[in-house]
Amino acid sequence: MARDYGRSRKQHPKQYLPLVSDKSMLQEIILRLNGLDNFIDPIIVCNIEHRFLLKQVDQ
């Protein structure tokens, strides 16, 4: 996957950035899964340095 050098940084990977809408790529994925009945709540594994970013995505 190509790195978005303009915005993506080690502390702010592109998965947490709003690149194609007002939501991050991770938020878009979570929203797509929300309407499906056959799935349990997702378990998201991230780097410890990104735990606060992930908390922001959850809000």
C-alpha atoms as a PDB file:
ATOM      1  CA  MET A   1       0.000   0.000   0.000  1.00  0.00           C
ATOM      2  CA  ALA A   2       1.438   3.386  -0.926  1.00  0.00           C
ATOM      3  CA  ARG A   3       2.141   5.797   1.877  1.00  0.00           C
ATOM      4  CA  ASP A   4       0.343   9.130   1.746  1.00  0.00           C
ATOM      5  CA  TYR A   5       3.423  11.252   2.435  1.00  0.00           C
ATOM      6  CA  GLY A   6       1.423  14.440   2.522  1.00  0.00           C
ATOM      7  CA  ARG A   7      -0.578  13.522   5.619  1.00  0.00           C
ATOM      8  CA  SER A   8       0.351  10.090   6.944  1.00  0.00           C
ATOM      9  CA  ARG A   9       2.959   9.962   9.701  1.00  0.00           C
ATOM     10  CA  LYS A  10       4.297   7.249  11.992  1.00  0.00           C
ATOM     11  CA  GLN A  11       2.120   8.585  14.822  1.00  0.00           C
ATOM     12  CA  HIS A  12      -0.877   9.204  12.526  1.00  0.00           C
ATOM     13  CA  PRO A  13      -1.182   6.366   9.993  1.00  0.00           C
ATOM     14  CA  LYS A  14      -3.604   6.809   7.129  1.00  0.00           C
ATOM     15  CA  GLN A  15      -6.095   4.335   8.647  1.00  0.00           C
ATOM     16  CA  TYR A  16      -6.905   7.026  11.219  1.00  0.00           C
ATOM     17  CA  LEU A  17      -7.084   9.929   8.761  1.00  0.00           C
ATOM     18  CA  PRO A  18     -10.147  11.145   6.848  1.00  0.00           C
ATOM     19  CA  LEU A  19      -8.823  10.653   3.313  1.00  0.00           C
ATOM     20  CA  VAL A  20     -11.909  10.189   1.115  1.00  0.00           C
ATOM     21  CA  SER A  21     -14.691  11.516   3.369  1.00  0.00           C
ATOM     22  CA  ASP A  22     -15.085  13.259   6.719  1.00  0.00           C
ATOM     23  CA  LYS A  23     -14.514   9.904   8.440  1.00  0.00           C
ATOM     24  CA  SER A  24     -11.307   7.905   8.780  1.00  0.00           C
ATOM     25  CA  MET A  25     -10.825   4.704   6.814  1.00  0.00           C
ATOM     26  CA  LEU A  26     -11.253   2.743  10.057  1.00  0.00           C
ATOM     27  CA  GLN A  27     -14.523   4.547  10.861  1.00  0.00           C
ATOM     28  CA  GLU A  28     -15.811   3.772   7.347  1.00  0.00           C
ATOM     29  CA  ILE A  29     -15.092   0.054   7.846  1.00  0.00           C
ATOM     30  CA  ILE A  30     -16.815   0.015  11.245  1.00  0.00           C
ATOM     31  CA  LEU A  31     -19.876   1.740   9.779  1.00  0.00           C
ATOM     32  CA  ARG A  32     -20.063  -0.815   6.945  1.00  0.00           C
ATOM     33  CA  LEU A  33     -19.972  -3.671   9.469  1.00  0.00           C
ATOM     34  CA  ASN A  34     -22.578  -2.056  11.742  1.00  0.00           C
ATOM     35  CA  GLY A  35     -25.538  -3.096   9.614  1.00  0.00           C
ATOM     36  CA  LEU A  36     -24.550  -6.763   9.393  1.00  0.00           C
ATOM     37  CA  ASP A  37     -26.259  -9.173  11.785  1.00  0.00           C
ATOM     38  CA  ASN A  38     -23.894 -12.141  11.457  1.00  0.00           C
ATOM     39  CA  PHE A  39     -20.888 -10.474  13.128  1.00  0.00           C
ATOM     40  CA  ILE A  40     -19.863  -9.992  16.737  1.00  0.00           C
ATOM     41  CA  ASP A  41     -18.265  -6.738  17.863  1.00  0.00           C
ATOM     42  CA  PRO A  42     -14.889  -6.322  16.151  1.00  0.00           C
ATOM     43  CA  ILE A  43     -11.604  -6.705  17.976  1.00  0.00           C
ATOM     44  CA  ILE A  44      -9.167  -4.079  16.769  1.00  0.00           C
ATOM     45  CA  VAL A  45      -5.475  -4.662  17.322  1.00  0.00           C
ATOM     46  CA  CYS A  46      -3.210  -1.635  17.136  1.00  0.00           C
ATOM     47  CA  ASN A  47       0.179  -0.401  18.194  1.00  0.00           C
ATOM     48  CA  ILE A  48       0.232   0.834  21.801  1.00  0.00           C
ATOM     49  CA  GLU A  49       1.247   4.262  20.491  1.00  0.00           C
ATOM     50  CA  HIS A  50      -2.038   4.458  18.538  1.00  0.00           C
ATOM     51  CA  ARG A  51      -4.380   3.562  21.407  1.00  0.00           C
ATOM     52  CA  PHE A  52      -5.485   7.191  21.869  1.00  0.00           C
ATOM     53  CA  LEU A  53      -6.181   7.548  18.143  1.00  0.00           C
ATOM     54  CA  LEU A  54      -8.288   4.410  18.292  1.00  0.00           C
ATOM     55  CA  LYS A  55     -10.209   5.827  21.248  1.00  0.00           C
ATOM     56  CA  GLN A  56     -11.018   8.916  19.137  1.00  0.00           C
ATOM     57  CA  VAL A  57     -12.272   6.709  16.312  1.00  0.00           C
ATOM     58  CA  ASP A  58     -14.612   4.936  18.740  1.00  0.00           C
ATOM     59  CA  GLN A  59     -16.384   8.193  19.645  1.00  0.00           C
END
